[in-house]
């Protein structure tokens, strides 16, 4: 968490941290253009204190996550890949030059017209070894305020770290009734995002819980 510059919110954050001890709080102003710095603070903390942990997961607060399903795919897919890997859904690589857009980037900050393949920032997973390399290589690159492009695109590409497009797991539709499944019959979808209220987030989570393999997929599995 950054500093919200709001007394009431700060008190609530302090109370949650006292109750659960689940927050890393920095003195950065909590703003969109500081997200790159916030992610770096998280990566740095992970690399310093979580040496026995296999993966770093970046997830936004508007994302619904089915934890058990994601753990299943960590065990059956991600752990079988090379040690230095990022798993995610890929974003659009075209650089936005429209200065009215939230994702506008002027040529003086980034000259090419396209980015390297990068992960949509709502949620992605980085292996511990990849997180270490990205953290080490970050100071070598000019700052860019679009954090997902910066870390999983520009820095990862320069460091030779592959990104694996697992869009069937890290997805963003808000209502999926019929999805594909793995060979064990487990639905691939583990995350959905862009839910702006607690009520919408809970609804999305229950939608994730209720997802079953489609009839044609069950027939294929036998």
C-alpha atoms as a PDB file:
ATOM      1  CA  UNK A   1       0.000   0.000   0.000  1.00  0.00           C
ATOM      2  CA  UNK A   2       1.058   3.550  -0.643  1.00  0.00           C
ATOM      3  CA  UNK A   3       0.300   6.479   1.627  1.00  0.00           C
ATOM      4  CA  UNK A   4      -3.346   7.454   0.899  1.00  0.00           C
ATOM      5  CA  UNK A   5      -2.781  10.999   2.242  1.00  0.00           C
ATOM      6  CA  UNK A   6      -6.091  10.582   4.073  1.00  0.00           C
ATOM      7  CA  UNK A   7      -6.271  10.360   7.866  1.00  0.00           C
ATOM      8  CA  UNK A   8      -9.377   8.159   8.018  1.00  0.00           C
ATOM      9  CA  UNK A   9      -8.105   5.689   5.418  1.00  0.00           C
ATOM     10  CA  UNK A  10      -4.698   5.597   7.139  1.00  0.00           C
ATOM     11  CA  UNK A  11      -6.395   4.686  10.435  1.00  0.00           C
ATOM     12  CA  UNK A  12      -8.301   1.859   8.732  1.00  0.00           C
ATOM     13  CA  UNK A  13      -5.094   0.534   7.165  1.00  0.00           C
ATOM     14  CA  UNK A  14      -3.323   0.614  10.520  1.00  0.00           C
ATOM     15  CA  UNK A  15      -6.244  -1.216  12.149  1.00  0.00           C
ATOM     16  CA  UNK A  16      -6.224  -3.937   9.490  1.00  0.00           C
ATOM     17  CA  UNK A  17      -2.489  -4.362   9.822  1.00  0.00           C
ATOM     18  CA  UNK A  18      -2.803  -4.697  13.592  1.00  0.00           C
ATOM     19  CA  UNK A  19      -5.532  -7.325  13.194  1.00  0.00           C
ATOM     20  CA  UNK A  20      -4.077  -9.357  10.330  1.00  0.00           C
ATOM     21  CA  UNK A  21      -0.472  -8.274   9.717  1.00  0.00           C
ATOM     22  CA  UNK A  22      -1.107  -8.586   5.987  1.00  0.00           C
ATOM     23  CA  UNK A  23      -0.023  -5.194   4.622  1.00  0.00           C
ATOM     24  CA  UNK A  24       3.242  -3.780   3.322  1.00  0.00           C
ATOM     25  CA  UNK A  25       2.908  -0.005   3.668  1.00  0.00           C
ATOM     26  CA  UNK A  26       5.282   2.407   1.910  1.00  0.00           C
ATOM     27  CA  UNK A  27       5.601   6.185   2.070  1.00  0.00           C
ATOM     28  CA  UNK A  28       4.799   6.508  -1.657  1.00  0.00           C
ATOM     29  CA  UNK A  29       1.781   8.584  -2.610  1.00  0.00           C
ATOM     30  CA  UNK A  30      -0.897   6.069  -3.610  1.00  0.00           C
ATOM     31  CA  UNK A  31      -1.559   7.119  -7.207  1.00  0.00           C
ATOM     32  CA  UNK A  32      -1.822   5.497 -10.628  1.00  0.00           C
ATOM     33  CA  UNK A  33       1.488   6.897 -11.857  1.00  0.00           C
ATOM     34  CA  UNK A  34       3.247   5.502  -8.788  1.00  0.00           C
ATOM     35  CA  UNK A  35       2.122   1.922  -9.470  1.00  0.00           C
ATOM     36  CA  UNK A  36       5.495   1.062 -10.999  1.00  0.00           C
ATOM     37  CA  UNK A  37       7.189   2.121  -7.756  1.00  0.00           C
ATOM     38  CA  UNK A  38       4.646   0.228  -5.643  1.00  0.00           C
ATOM     39  CA  UNK A  39       5.199  -2.977  -7.621  1.00  0.00           C
ATOM     40  CA  UNK A  40       8.946  -2.538  -7.234  1.00  0.00           C
ATOM     41  CA  UNK A  41       8.491  -2.208  -3.464  1.00  0.00           C
ATOM     42  CA  UNK A  42       6.548  -5.475  -3.496  1.00  0.00           C
ATOM     43  CA  UNK A  43       9.147  -7.249  -5.632  1.00  0.00           C
ATOM     44  CA  UNK A  44      11.950  -5.972  -3.418  1.00  0.00           C
ATOM     45  CA  UNK A  45      10.177  -7.177  -0.263  1.00  0.00           C
ATOM     46  CA  UNK A  46       9.531 -10.570  -1.880  1.00  0.00           C
ATOM     47  CA  UNK A  47      13.148 -10.955  -2.978  1.00  0.00           C
ATOM     48  CA  UNK A  48      14.451  -9.969   0.460  1.00  0.00           C
ATOM     49  CA  UNK A  49      12.170 -11.984   2.717  1.00  0.00           C
ATOM     50  CA  UNK A  50      10.525 -14.791   0.709  1.00  0.00           C
ATOM     51  CA  UNK A  51      13.458 -16.860  -0.528  1.00  0.00           C
ATOM     52  CA  UNK A  52      11.603 -20.150   0.042  1.00  0.00           C
ATOM     53  CA  UNK A  53       8.475 -19.086  -1.873  1.00  0.00           C
ATOM     54  CA  UNK A  54       8.200 -20.344  -5.465  1.00  0.00           C
ATOM     55  CA  UNK A  55       6.024 -17.618  -7.015  1.00  0.00           C
ATOM     56  CA  UNK A  56       5.262 -13.916  -6.697  1.00  0.00           C
ATOM     57  CA  UNK A  57       1.668 -13.035  -7.600  1.00  0.00           C
ATOM     58  CA  UNK A  58       0.624  -9.501  -8.453  1.00  0.00           C
ATOM     59  CA  UNK A  59      -3.144  -9.070  -8.145  1.00  0.00           C
ATOM     60  CA  UNK A  60      -5.320  -5.947  -8.119  1.00  0.00           C
ATOM     61  CA  UNK A  61      -8.047  -5.279  -5.573  1.00  0.00           C
ATOM     62  CA  UNK A  62     -10.793  -5.592  -8.199  1.00  0.00           C
ATOM     63  CA  UNK A  63      -9.910  -9.218  -9.022  1.00  0.00           C
ATOM     64  CA  UNK A  64     -11.847 -12.314  -7.965  1.00  0.00           C
ATOM     65  CA  UNK A  65      -9.544 -15.299  -7.427  1.00  0.00           C
ATOM     66  CA  UNK A  66     -10.353 -19.002  -7.050  1.00  0.00           C
ATOM     67  CA  UNK A  67      -7.359 -19.958  -4.898  1.00  0.00           C
ATOM     68  CA  UNK A  68      -7.724 -23.750  -4.999  1.00  0.00           C
ATOM     69  CA  UNK A  69      -8.047 -23.774  -8.781  1.00  0.00           C
ATOM     70  CA  UNK A  70      -4.990 -21.560  -9.209  1.00  0.00           C
ATOM     71  CA  UNK A  71      -2.957 -23.799  -6.871  1.00  0.00           C
ATOM     72  CA  UNK A  72      -4.005 -26.767  -9.013  1.00  0.00           C
ATOM     73  CA  UNK A  73      -2.540 -25.120 -12.110  1.00  0.00           C
ATOM     74  CA  UNK A  74       0.591 -24.066 -10.246  1.00  0.00           C
ATOM     75  CA  UNK A  75       1.139 -27.740  -9.439  1.00  0.00           C
ATOM     76  CA  UNK A  76       0.147 -29.177 -12.818  1.00  0.00           C
ATOM     77  CA  UNK A  77       1.395 -26.505 -15.245  1.00  0.00           C
ATOM     78  CA  UNK A  78       3.570 -23.745 -13.844  1.00  0.00           C
ATOM     79  CA  UNK A  79       6.001 -25.879 -11.852  1.00  0.00           C
ATOM     80  CA  UNK A  80       6.782 -27.894 -14.977  1.00  0.00           C
ATOM     81  CA  UNK A  81       7.968 -24.832 -16.902  1.00  0.00           C
ATOM     82  CA  UNK A  82      11.462 -23.266 -16.915  1.00  0.00           C
ATOM     83  CA  UNK A  83      12.462 -21.634 -13.627  1.00  0.00           C
ATOM     84  CA  UNK A  84      12.449 -18.069 -14.977  1.00  0.00           C
ATOM     85  CA  UNK A  85       8.928 -17.561 -16.318  1.00  0.00           C
ATOM     86  CA  UNK A  86       5.993 -15.145 -16.065  1.00  0.00           C
ATOM     87  CA  UNK A  87       2.420 -16.480 -16.416  1.00  0.00           C
ATOM     88  CA  UNK A  88      -0.498 -14.240 -17.370  1.00  0.00           C
ATOM     89  CA  UNK A  89      -2.902 -13.035 -20.032  1.00  0.00           C
ATOM     90  CA  UNK A  90      -1.174 -10.910 -22.674  1.00  0.00           C
ATOM     91  CA  UNK A  91      -2.093  -7.266 -23.233  1.00  0.00           C
ATOM     92  CA  UNK A  92      -2.303  -5.208 -26.427  1.00  0.00           C
ATOM     93  CA  UNK A  93       1.234  -4.308 -27.507  1.00  0.00           C
ATOM     94  CA  UNK A  94       0.305  -1.161 -29.497  1.00  0.00           C
ATOM     95  CA  UNK A  95       1.592   1.976 -27.743  1.00  0.00           C
ATOM     96  CA  UNK A  96      -1.212   4.498 -27.124  1.00  0.00           C
ATOM     97  CA  UNK A  97      -0.339   8.007 -28.344  1.00  0.00           C
ATOM     98  CA  UNK A  98      -3.732   9.593 -27.609  1.00  0.00           C
ATOM     99  CA  UNK A  99      -3.013  11.989 -24.755  1.00  0.00           C
ATOM    100  CA  UNK A 100      -6.565  11.717 -23.414  1.00  0.00           C
ATOM    101  CA  UNK A 101      -6.030   8.042 -22.587  1.00  0.00           C
ATOM    102  CA  UNK A 102      -5.079   6.739 -19.152  1.00  0.00           C
ATOM    103  CA  UNK A 103      -2.383   4.650 -20.867  1.00  0.00           C
ATOM    104  CA  UNK A 104      -0.943   7.453 -23.015  1.00  0.00           C
ATOM    105  CA  UNK A 105       2.823   7.269 -23.421  1.00  0.00           C
ATOM    106  CA  UNK A 106       4.653  10.065 -25.285  1.00  0.00           C
ATOM    107  CA  UNK A 107       7.452   9.154 -27.713  1.00  0.00           C
ATOM    108  CA  UNK A 108      10.044  10.819 -25.496  1.00  0.00           C
ATOM    109  CA  UNK A 109       9.309   8.227 -22.794  1.00  0.00           C
ATOM    110  CA  UNK A 110       9.085   5.237 -25.136  1.00  0.00           C
ATOM    111  CA  UNK A 111       9.889   5.672 -28.825  1.00  0.00           C
ATOM    112  CA  UNK A 112       8.863   2.338 -30.450  1.00  0.00           C
ATOM    113  CA  UNK A 113       5.275   1.975 -31.665  1.00  0.00           C
ATOM    114  CA  UNK A 114       4.802  -1.409 -29.998  1.00  0.00           C
ATOM    115  CA  UNK A 115       5.752  -2.955 -26.665  1.00  0.00           C
ATOM    116  CA  UNK A 116       7.277  -6.388 -26.171  1.00  0.00           C
ATOM    117  CA  UNK A 117       4.700  -9.001 -25.169  1.00  0.00           C
ATOM    118  CA  UNK A 118       3.574  -8.075 -21.666  1.00  0.00           C
ATOM    119  CA  UNK A 119       1.096  -9.237 -19.041  1.00  0.00           C
ATOM    120  CA  UNK A 120      -2.195  -7.510 -18.257  1.00  0.00           C
ATOM    121  CA  UNK A 121      -1.496  -5.993 -14.860  1.00  0.00           C
ATOM    122  CA  UNK A 122      -4.705  -7.096 -13.133  1.00  0.00           C
ATOM    123  CA  UNK A 123      -3.063 -10.373 -12.194  1.00  0.00           C
ATOM    124  CA  UNK A 124       0.033 -12.332 -13.138  1.00  0.00           C
ATOM    125  CA  UNK A 125       2.471 -14.776 -11.559  1.00  0.00           C
ATOM    126  CA  UNK A 126       6.262 -14.578 -11.653  1.00  0.00           C
ATOM    127  CA  UNK A 127       8.523 -17.444 -10.659  1.00  0.00           C
ATOM    128  CA  UNK A 128      10.875 -16.614  -7.796  1.00  0.00           C
ATOM    129  CA  UNK A 129      13.949 -16.735 -10.034  1.00  0.00           C
ATOM    130  CA  UNK A 130      12.311 -14.441 -12.596  1.00  0.00           C
ATOM    131  CA  UNK A 131      11.284 -12.020  -9.824  1.00  0.00           C
ATOM    132  CA  UNK A 132      14.886 -11.881  -8.638  1.00  0.00           C
ATOM    133  CA  UNK A 133      16.219 -11.107 -12.124  1.00  0.00           C
ATOM    134  CA  UNK A 134      13.519  -8.501 -12.833  1.00  0.00           C
ATOM    135  CA  UNK A 135      14.292  -6.795  -9.524  1.00  0.00           C
ATOM    136  CA  UNK A 136      18.009  -6.725 -10.317  1.00  0.00           C
ATOM    137  CA  UNK A 137      17.549  -5.447 -13.882  1.00  0.00           C
ATOM    138  CA  UNK A 138      14.936  -2.770 -13.141  1.00  0.00           C
ATOM    139  CA  UNK A 139      17.462   0.038 -12.351  1.00  0.00           C
ATOM    140  CA  UNK A 140      18.978  -0.419 -15.824  1.00  0.00           C
ATOM    141  CA  UNK A 141      15.824   0.882 -17.545  1.00  0.00           C
ATOM    142  CA  UNK A 142      14.229   4.347 -17.779  1.00  0.00           C
ATOM    143  CA  UNK A 143      11.141   4.670 -15.594  1.00  0.00           C
ATOM    144  CA  UNK A 144       7.758   4.048 -17.224  1.00  0.00           C
ATOM    145  CA  UNK A 145       4.569   4.584 -15.219  1.00  0.00           C
ATOM    146  CA  UNK A 146       2.641   1.741 -16.890  1.00  0.00           C
ATOM    147  CA  UNK A 147       3.793  -0.947 -14.479  1.00  0.00           C
ATOM    148  CA  UNK A 148       2.704  -4.095 -16.324  1.00  0.00           C
ATOM    149  CA  UNK A 149       4.372  -2.975 -19.558  1.00  0.00           C
ATOM    150  CA  UNK A 150       7.505  -1.968 -17.675  1.00  0.00           C
ATOM    151  CA  UNK A 151       8.139  -5.109 -15.597  1.00  0.00           C
ATOM    152  CA  UNK A 152       6.609  -7.945 -17.611  1.00  0.00           C
ATOM    153  CA  UNK A 153       7.320  -6.413 -21.013  1.00  0.00           C
ATOM    154  CA  UNK A 154      10.354  -4.139 -21.211  1.00  0.00           C
ATOM    155  CA  UNK A 155      12.450  -5.427 -18.297  1.00  0.00           C
ATOM    156  CA  UNK A 156      11.511  -9.092 -18.768  1.00  0.00           C
ATOM    157  CA  UNK A 157      12.217  -8.942 -22.512  1.00  0.00           C
ATOM    158  CA  UNK A 158      15.636  -7.370 -21.986  1.00  0.00           C
ATOM    159  CA  UNK A 159      16.449  -9.987 -19.341  1.00  0.00           C
ATOM    160  CA  UNK A 160      15.414 -12.863 -21.614  1.00  0.00           C
ATOM    161  CA  UNK A 161      12.569 -13.972 -19.327  1.00  0.00           C
ATOM    162  CA  UNK A 162       9.737 -15.725 -21.222  1.00  0.00           C
ATOM    163  CA  UNK A 163       6.127 -14.739 -20.690  1.00  0.00           C
ATOM    164  CA  UNK A 164       3.555 -17.497 -21.134  1.00  0.00           C
ATOM    165  CA  UNK A 165       0.070 -16.494 -22.249  1.00  0.00           C
ATOM    166  CA  UNK A 166      -2.340 -18.378 -19.968  1.00  0.00           C
ATOM    167  CA  UNK A 167      -5.409 -16.327 -20.866  1.00  0.00           C
ATOM    168  CA  UNK A 168      -7.717 -19.251 -20.153  1.00  0.00           C
ATOM    169  CA  UNK A 169      -6.635 -19.047 -16.478  1.00  0.00           C
ATOM    170  CA  UNK A 170      -6.116 -15.281 -16.063  1.00  0.00           C
ATOM    171  CA  UNK A 171      -9.256 -13.948 -17.718  1.00  0.00           C
ATOM    172  CA  UNK A 172     -11.458 -10.887 -17.402  1.00  0.00           C
ATOM    173  CA  UNK A 173     -14.985 -11.753 -18.448  1.00  0.00           C
ATOM    174  CA  UNK A 174     -17.539 -11.174 -15.715  1.00  0.00           C
ATOM    175  CA  UNK A 175     -19.795 -14.142 -16.525  1.00  0.00           C
ATOM    176  CA  UNK A 176     -18.488 -17.443 -17.876  1.00  0.00           C
ATOM    177  CA  UNK A 177     -20.883 -20.386 -17.883  1.00  0.00           C
ATOM    178  CA  UNK A 178     -19.135 -22.738 -20.259  1.00  0.00           C
ATOM    179  CA  UNK A 179     -15.337 -22.966 -20.238  1.00  0.00           C
ATOM    180  CA  UNK A 180     -12.692 -25.456 -21.250  1.00  0.00           C
ATOM    181  CA  UNK A 181     -11.100 -27.730 -18.669  1.00  0.00           C
ATOM    182  CA  UNK A 182      -7.859 -29.609 -18.222  1.00  0.00           C
ATOM    183  CA  UNK A 183      -7.518 -33.377 -18.617  1.00  0.00           C
ATOM    184  CA  UNK A 184      -8.607 -33.836 -15.004  1.00  0.00           C
ATOM    185  CA  UNK A 185     -11.853 -31.963 -15.585  1.00  0.00           C
ATOM    186  CA  UNK A 186     -10.790 -28.813 -13.701  1.00  0.00           C
ATOM    187  CA  UNK A 187     -12.090 -25.580 -15.314  1.00  0.00           C
ATOM    188  CA  UNK A 188      -9.237 -23.383 -16.474  1.00  0.00           C
ATOM    189  CA  UNK A 189     -10.685 -20.060 -15.344  1.00  0.00           C
ATOM    190  CA  UNK A 190      -9.185 -18.999 -11.987  1.00  0.00           C
ATOM    191  CA  UNK A 191      -9.436 -15.189 -12.012  1.00  0.00           C
ATOM    192  CA  UNK A 192     -11.822 -12.508 -13.249  1.00  0.00           C
ATOM    193  CA  UNK A 193     -11.337  -8.789 -12.874  1.00  0.00           C
ATOM    194  CA  UNK A 194     -12.635  -5.228 -13.099  1.00  0.00           C
ATOM    195  CA  UNK A 195     -15.235  -5.444 -10.308  1.00  0.00           C
ATOM    196  CA  UNK A 196     -15.515  -2.045  -8.660  1.00  0.00           C
ATOM    197  CA  UNK A 197     -17.710  -2.813  -5.629  1.00  0.00           C
ATOM    198  CA  UNK A 198     -17.493  -5.466  -2.888  1.00  0.00           C
ATOM    199  CA  UNK A 199     -20.878  -6.804  -4.004  1.00  0.00           C
ATOM    200  CA  UNK A 200     -19.701  -7.258  -7.597  1.00  0.00           C
ATOM    201  CA  UNK A 201     -16.501  -8.906  -6.384  1.00  0.00           C
ATOM    202  CA  UNK A 202     -18.390 -11.428  -4.233  1.00  0.00           C
ATOM    203  CA  UNK A 203     -20.741 -12.172  -7.133  1.00  0.00           C
ATOM    204  CA  UNK A 204     -17.761 -12.808  -9.419  1.00  0.00           C
ATOM    205  CA  UNK A 205     -16.201 -15.123  -6.840  1.00  0.00           C
ATOM    206  CA  UNK A 206     -19.390 -17.179  -6.579  1.00  0.00           C
ATOM    207  CA  UNK A 207     -19.526 -17.282 -10.378  1.00  0.00           C
ATOM    208  CA  UNK A 208     -16.006 -18.716 -10.374  1.00  0.00           C
ATOM    209  CA  UNK A 209     -17.015 -21.301  -7.784  1.00  0.00           C
ATOM    210  CA  UNK A 210     -19.997 -22.381  -9.873  1.00  0.00           C
ATOM    211  CA  UNK A 211     -18.191 -22.842 -13.180  1.00  0.00           C
ATOM    212  CA  UNK A 212     -18.426 -26.370 -14.605  1.00  0.00           C
ATOM    213  CA  UNK A 213     -17.007 -27.969 -17.730  1.00  0.00           C
ATOM    214  CA  UNK A 214     -19.303 -27.519 -20.731  1.00  0.00           C
ATOM    215  CA  UNK A 215     -21.266 -30.525 -22.074  1.00  0.00           C
ATOM    216  CA  UNK A 216     -19.112 -30.883 -25.172  1.00  0.00           C
ATOM    217  CA  UNK A 217     -15.958 -30.775 -23.044  1.00  0.00           C
ATOM    218  CA  UNK A 218     -17.278 -33.410 -20.609  1.00  0.00           C
ATOM    219  CA  UNK A 219     -18.088 -35.627 -23.593  1.00  0.00           C
ATOM    220  CA  UNK A 220     -14.563 -35.150 -24.940  1.00  0.00           C
ATOM    221  CA  UNK A 221     -13.094 -36.141 -21.569  1.00  0.00           C
ATOM    222  CA  UNK A 222     -15.292 -39.215 -21.527  1.00  0.00           C
END
